[in-house]
C-alpha atoms as a PDB file:
ATOM      1  CA  ASN A   1      -0.220   0.053   0.004  1.00  0.00           C
ATOM      2  CA  ILE A   2       1.046   3.445  -1.130  1.00  0.00           C
ATOM      3  CA  GLY A   3      -0.272   6.906  -0.354  1.00  0.00           C
ATOM      4  CA  GLY A   4       0.870  10.636  -0.117  1.00  0.00           C
ATOM      5  CA  LEU A   5       0.284  10.501   3.787  1.00  0.00           C
ATOM      6  CA  CYS A   6       0.256   6.930   4.765  1.00  0.00           C
ATOM      7  CA  GLY A   7      -0.126   3.461   2.842  1.00  0.00           C
ATOM      8  CA  PHE A   8      -2.142   2.022   5.290  1.00  0.00           C
ATOM      9  CA  SER A   9      -4.748   3.577   8.202  1.00  0.00           C
ATOM     10  CA  LYS A  10      -6.620   1.569  10.377  1.00  0.00           C
ATOM     11  CA  PHE A  11      -8.907   2.436  13.567  1.00  0.00           C
ATOM     12  CA  CYS A  12      -7.191   5.929  12.543  1.00  0.00           C
ATOM     13  CA  ASN A  13      -8.936   9.121  13.135  1.00  0.00           C
ATOM     14  CA  ILE A  14      -6.997  12.359  10.747  1.00  0.00           C
ATOM     15  CA  GLU A  15      -7.601  15.139  11.072  1.00  0.00           C
ATOM     16  CA  GLY A  16      -6.129  18.562   9.070  1.00  0.00           C
ATOM     17  CA  CYS A  17      -3.795  17.015   7.076  1.00  0.00           C
ATOM     18  CA  SER A  18      -2.742  16.953   3.723  1.00  0.00           C
ATOM     19  CA  SER A  19      -0.129  15.429   1.338  1.00  0.00           C
ATOM     20  CA  SER A  20       1.528  17.203  -2.178  1.00  0.00           C
ATOM     21  CA  ALA A  21       3.635  14.372  -2.345  1.00  0.00           C
ATOM     22  CA  ASN A  22       4.400  12.630  -5.858  1.00  0.00           C
ATOM     23  CA  ILE A  23       4.253   9.075  -6.239  1.00  0.00           C
ATOM     24  CA  THR A  24       5.644   7.161  -9.173  1.00  0.00           C
ATOM     25  CA  THR A  25       5.648   3.406  -9.403  1.00  0.00           C
ATOM     26  CA  THR A  26       7.102   0.608 -12.024  1.00  0.00           C
ATOM     27  CA  SER A  27       5.709  -2.078  -9.674  1.00  0.00           C
ATOM     28  CA  THR A  28       4.076  -4.381 -12.387  1.00  0.00           C
ATOM     29  CA  SER A  29       2.906  -6.429  -9.146  1.00  0.00           C
ATOM     30  CA  ALA A  30      -1.074  -5.358  -8.242  1.00  0.00           C
ATOM     31  CA  ILE A  31      -0.937  -3.221  -4.944  1.00  0.00           C
ATOM     32  CA  THR A  32      -2.743   0.041  -3.775  1.00  0.00           C
ATOM     33  CA  ILE A  33      -2.152   3.793  -4.415  1.00  0.00           C
ATOM     34  CA  ALA A  34      -3.725   6.678  -3.661  1.00  0.00           C
ATOM     35  CA  GLY A  35      -2.337  10.993  -3.232  1.00  0.00           C
ATOM     36  CA  PHE A  36      -3.909  10.332   0.384  1.00  0.00           C
ATOM     37  CA  ILE A  37      -4.085   7.251   1.997  1.00  0.00           C
ATOM     38  CA  GLY A  38      -3.270   3.620   0.274  1.00  0.00           C
ATOM     39  CA  SER A  39      -5.383   1.723   1.711  1.00  0.00           C
ATOM     40  CA  ALA A  40      -7.961   2.701   4.775  1.00  0.00           C
ATOM     41  CA  PHE A  41      -8.614  -0.963   6.150  1.00  0.00           C
ATOM     42  CA  SER A  42     -11.049  -0.313   9.525  1.00  0.00           C
ATOM     43  CA  GLY A  43     -12.224  -3.364  12.180  1.00  0.00           C
ATOM     44  CA  GLY A  44     -13.837  -0.225  13.762  1.00  0.00           C
ATOM     45  CA  ALA A  45     -14.578   3.295  13.823  1.00  0.00           C
ATOM     46  CA  SER A  46     -11.959   6.003  11.545  1.00  0.00           C
ATOM     47  CA  LEU A  47     -13.185   9.218  11.144  1.00  0.00           C
ATOM     48  CA  ILE A  48     -10.926  10.893   7.873  1.00  0.00           C
ATOM     49  CA  LYS A  49     -11.792  14.948   8.285  1.00  0.00           C
ATOM     50  CA  GLY A  50     -10.521  18.475   6.545  1.00  0.00           C
ATOM     51  CA  CYS A  51      -7.707  16.847   4.696  1.00  0.00           C
ATOM     52  CA  TYR A  52      -6.572  17.159   1.146  1.00  0.00           C
ATOM     53  CA  SER A  53      -4.114  15.828  -1.893  1.00  0.00           C
ATOM     54  CA  ILE A  54      -2.384  17.691  -4.576  1.00  0.00           C
ATOM     55  CA  GLY A  55       0.614  15.518  -5.504  1.00  0.00           C
ATOM     56  CA  HIS A  56       1.055  13.253  -8.919  1.00  0.00           C
ATOM     57  CA  ILE A  57       0.809   9.662  -9.528  1.00  0.00           C
ATOM     58  CA  GLU A  58       2.334   7.746 -11.968  1.00  0.00           C
ATOM     59  CA  LEU A  59       1.581   4.479 -12.652  1.00  0.00           C
ATOM     60  CA  GLY A  60       3.479   1.551 -13.738  1.00  0.00           C
ATOM     61  CA  ASN A  61       0.278  -0.547 -14.961  1.00  0.00           C
ATOM     62  CA  ASN A  62      -3.020  -0.814 -14.942  1.00  0.00           C
ATOM     63  CA  GLY A  63      -3.318  -3.604 -12.536  1.00  0.00           C
ATOM     64  CA  HIS A  64      -3.345  -1.746  -9.424  1.00  0.00           C
ATOM     65  CA  THR A  65      -5.489  -0.317  -6.837  1.00  0.00           C
ATOM     66  CA  TYR A  66      -5.946   3.790  -7.033  1.00  0.00           C
ATOM     67  CA  SER A  67      -7.278   6.712  -6.523  1.00  0.00           C
ATOM     68  CA  LYS A  68      -6.571  10.280  -6.315  1.00  0.00           C
ATOM     69  CA  PHE A  69      -7.418  10.245  -2.166  1.00  0.00           C
ATOM     70  CA  ILE A  70      -8.202   7.002  -0.672  1.00  0.00           C
ATOM     71  CA  GLY A  71      -7.020   3.826  -2.776  1.00  0.00           C
ATOM     72  CA  ALA A  72      -9.018   0.737  -0.649  1.00  0.00           C
ATOM     73  CA  ALA A  73     -11.633   1.305   1.961  1.00  0.00           C
ATOM     74  CA  ASN A  74     -12.101  -2.165   2.949  1.00  0.00           C
ATOM     75  CA  GLY A  75     -13.120  -4.096   6.234  1.00  0.00           C
ATOM     76  CA  GLY A  76     -15.924  -3.424   9.013  1.00  0.00           C
ATOM     77  CA  GLY A  77     -16.607  -0.648  10.750  1.00  0.00           C
ATOM     78  CA  THR A  78     -17.531   2.989   9.438  1.00  0.00           C
ATOM     79  CA  LYS A  79     -14.813   4.866   7.666  1.00  0.00           C
ATOM     80  CA  THR A  80     -15.743   9.102   8.135  1.00  0.00           C
ATOM     81  CA  ILE A  81     -14.828  11.213   5.746  1.00  0.00           C
ATOM     82  CA  GLN A  82     -15.829  14.580   6.086  1.00  0.00           C
ATOM     83  CA  ASN A  83     -15.190  17.956   4.477  1.00  0.00           C
ATOM     84  CA  CYS A  84     -11.721  16.458   2.577  1.00  0.00           C
ATOM     85  CA  TYR A  85     -11.254  17.654  -1.193  1.00  0.00           C
ATOM     86  CA  THR A  86      -8.284  15.977  -3.619  1.00  0.00           C
ATOM     87  CA  ALA A  87      -7.019  18.343  -6.870  1.00  0.00           C
ATOM     88  CA  SER A  88      -4.272  15.036  -7.469  1.00  0.00           C
ATOM     89  CA  THR A  89      -3.406  14.018 -10.234  1.00  0.00           C
ATOM     90  CA  ILE A  90      -3.024  10.259 -12.188  1.00  0.00           C
ATOM     91  CA  SER A  91      -1.253   9.121 -14.936  1.00  0.00           C
ATOM     92  CA  THR A  92      -3.075   9.424 -18.408  1.00  0.00           C
ATOM     93  CA  THR A  93      -2.180   5.520 -18.782  1.00  0.00           C
ATOM     94  CA  VAL A  94      -5.153   4.950 -16.433  1.00  0.00           C
ATOM     95  CA  THR A  95      -8.725   4.781 -17.210  1.00  0.00           C
ATOM     96  CA  ASP A  96      -9.358   7.885 -14.974  1.00  0.00           C
ATOM     97  CA  ASN A  97     -12.910   7.342 -13.004  1.00  0.00           C
ATOM     98  CA  GLN A  98     -11.661   6.520  -9.398  1.00  0.00           C
ATOM     99  CA  ALA A  99     -10.718  10.481  -8.353  1.00  0.00           C
ATOM    100  CA  PHE A 100     -11.391  10.536  -5.545  1.00  0.00           C
ATOM    101  CA  ILE A 101     -11.629   6.883  -4.064  1.00  0.00           C
ATOM    102  CA  ASN A 102     -11.784   2.995  -5.540  1.00  0.00           C
ATOM    103  CA  SER A 103     -15.337   2.534  -5.858  1.00  0.00           C
ATOM    104  CA  GLY A 104     -14.194  -1.508  -6.020  1.00  0.00           C
ATOM    105  CA  LYS A 105     -13.150  -1.400  -2.851  1.00  0.00           C
ATOM    106  CA  ALA A 106     -15.313   0.926  -0.966  1.00  0.00           C
ATOM    107  CA  LEU A 107     -17.091  -0.811   1.615  1.00  0.00           C
ATOM    108  CA  ASN A 108     -18.946   0.993   4.881  1.00  0.00           C
ATOM    109  CA  LEU A 109     -18.871   4.429   3.716  1.00  0.00           C
ATOM    110  CA  SER A 110     -19.904   7.632   5.402  1.00  0.00           C
ATOM    111  CA  ILE A 111     -18.872  10.382   3.192  1.00  0.00           C
ATOM    112  CA  SER A 112     -19.930  14.199   3.204  1.00  0.00           C
ATOM    113  CA  ASP A 113     -18.789  17.712   2.060  1.00  0.00           C
ATOM    114  CA  CYS A 114     -15.776  15.530  -0.302  1.00  0.00           C
ATOM    115  CA  TYR A 115     -14.883  16.841  -3.683  1.00  0.00           C
ATOM    116  CA  TYR A 116     -12.503  16.042  -6.477  1.00  0.00           C
ATOM    117  CA  VAL A 117     -11.246  19.143  -8.907  1.00  0.00           C
ATOM    118  CA  ASP A 118     -10.499  16.537 -12.206  1.00  0.00           C
ATOM    119  CA  GLY A 119     -11.549  13.226 -13.521  1.00  0.00           C
ATOM    120  CA  SER A 120     -15.193  11.520 -13.248  1.00  0.00           C
ATOM    121  CA  GLN A 121     -15.957   9.055  -9.734  1.00  0.00           C
ATOM    122  CA  THR A 122     -17.290   5.675 -10.588  1.00  0.00           C
ATOM    123  CA  ALA A 123     -20.861   5.556  -8.014  1.00  0.00           C
ATOM    124  CA  ILE A 124     -21.101   4.088  -4.979  1.00  0.00           C
ATOM    125  CA  SER A 125     -24.248   3.238  -3.260  1.00  0.00           C
ATOM    126  CA  GLY A 126     -25.480   5.696  -1.078  1.00  0.00           C
ATOM    127  CA  VAL A 127     -22.192   8.266  -1.550  1.00  0.00           C
ATOM    128  CA  THR A 128     -22.267  11.548  -3.177  1.00  0.00           C
ATOM    129  CA  ILE A 129     -18.720  12.829  -4.249  1.00  0.00           C
ATOM    130  CA  THR A 130     -18.979  16.010  -6.127  1.00  0.00           C
ATOM    131  CA  LYS A 131     -17.251  17.454  -8.744  1.00  0.00           C
ATOM    132  CA  LYS A 132     -16.036  20.868  -8.441  1.00  0.00           C
ATOM    133  CA  SER A 133     -14.043  23.421  -9.973  1.00  0.00           C
ATOM    134  CA  ALA A 134     -10.732  25.007  -8.512  1.00  0.00           C
ATOM    135  CA  ALA A 135     -12.020  28.154  -8.604  1.00  0.00           C
ATOM    136  CA  ASP A 136     -15.524  26.401  -6.647  1.00  0.00           C
ATOM    137  CA  LEU A 137     -13.637  25.278  -3.842  1.00  0.00           C
ATOM    138  CA  LYS A 138     -11.171  28.392  -3.331  1.00  0.00           C
ATOM    139  CA  ASP A 139     -15.089  29.674  -2.826  1.00  0.00           C
ATOM    140  CA  MET A 140     -16.215  27.050  -0.460  1.00  0.00           C
ATOM    141  CA  ALA A 141     -13.633  28.231   2.803  1.00  0.00           C
ATOM    142  CA  SER A 142     -15.981  29.398   5.189  1.00  0.00           C
ATOM    143  CA  SER A 143     -18.110  26.404   4.333  1.00  0.00           C
ATOM    144  CA  PHE A 144     -15.729  23.889   4.767  1.00  0.00           C
ATOM    145  CA  ASN A 145     -14.747  26.019   8.354  1.00  0.00           C
ATOM    146  CA  SER A 146     -18.426  26.360   9.586  1.00  0.00           C
ATOM    147  CA  THR A 147     -18.622  22.310  10.007  1.00  0.00           C
ATOM    148  CA  LEU A 148     -14.565  21.414  10.830  1.00  0.00           C
ATOM    149  CA  ASN A 149     -15.122  23.971  14.181  1.00  0.00           C
ATOM    150  CA  TRP A 150     -10.922  23.862  14.291  1.00  0.00           C
ATOM    151  CA  THR A 151      -9.555  26.143  17.232  1.00  0.00           C
ATOM    152  CA  ASP A 152      -6.122  26.748  15.772  1.00  0.00           C
ATOM    153  CA  TYR A 153      -6.208  26.501  11.982  1.00  0.00           C
ATOM    154  CA  GLN A 154      -9.197  27.209   8.880  1.00  0.00           C
ATOM    155  CA  PHE A 155      -8.976  26.425   5.291  1.00  0.00           C
ATOM    156  CA  VAL A 156      -8.403  29.472   3.347  1.00  0.00           C
ATOM    157  CA  ALA A 157      -8.462  30.022  -0.477  1.00  0.00           C
ATOM    158  CA  GLY A 158      -5.134  28.730  -2.415  1.00  0.00           C
ATOM    159  CA  THR A 159      -3.406  30.982  -4.647  1.00  0.00           C
ATOM    160  CA  THR A 160      -3.214  28.369  -7.396  1.00  0.00           C
ATOM    161  CA  ASP A 161      -5.852  26.116  -8.582  1.00  0.00           C
ATOM    162  CA  THR A 162      -3.226  23.275  -7.992  1.00  0.00           C
ATOM    163  CA  GLU A 163      -3.882  23.485  -4.454  1.00  0.00           C
ATOM    164  CA  PRO A 164      -7.497  25.520  -4.411  1.00  0.00           C
ATOM    165  CA  LEU A 165      -7.775  24.955  -0.633  1.00  0.00           C
ATOM    166  CA  ILE A 166      -4.766  25.518   1.995  1.00  0.00           C
ATOM    167  CA  ILE A 167      -5.341  24.739   6.175  1.00  0.00           C
ATOM    168  CA  GLN A 168      -3.393  27.786   7.731  1.00  0.00           C
ATOM    169  CA  LYS A 169      -2.933  28.786  11.527  1.00  0.00           C
ATOM    170  CA  LYS A 170      -5.841  31.644  12.498  1.00  0.00           C
END
């Protein structure tokens, strides 16, 4: 498992984190890769809140499980994902229909206010993940902040379309 923040998470609460990692693999073995978390496996409840990824992923073959934010979210326990976005990119050598999370590896999800900038997302039953332009995301900083209730940090509009929102100390 390879991820911009971590390759594998289990029973985790991750809040206010970002990844700008560029990931390149030439592996011909099937692996799980994503811009934020490779595999969010949980036997219990997990929370990912107020996070984003913006790096580039270069895949070695089409046999990988991949996505721009979370590659796989398997196992029991609910994985709650709130107020997150990805502006990551994936090499053009693969079918880009996993813009936020790999739909074939998505179990027990509760997703709200999550977005992707480029590509397309295969539908996941009971979950809404919306495509937004970088300009739209920049205008949504206050919306993100109103539900995050952070004491010391906040989302603000970024200066580039590559990173439309950034986390900043208040």
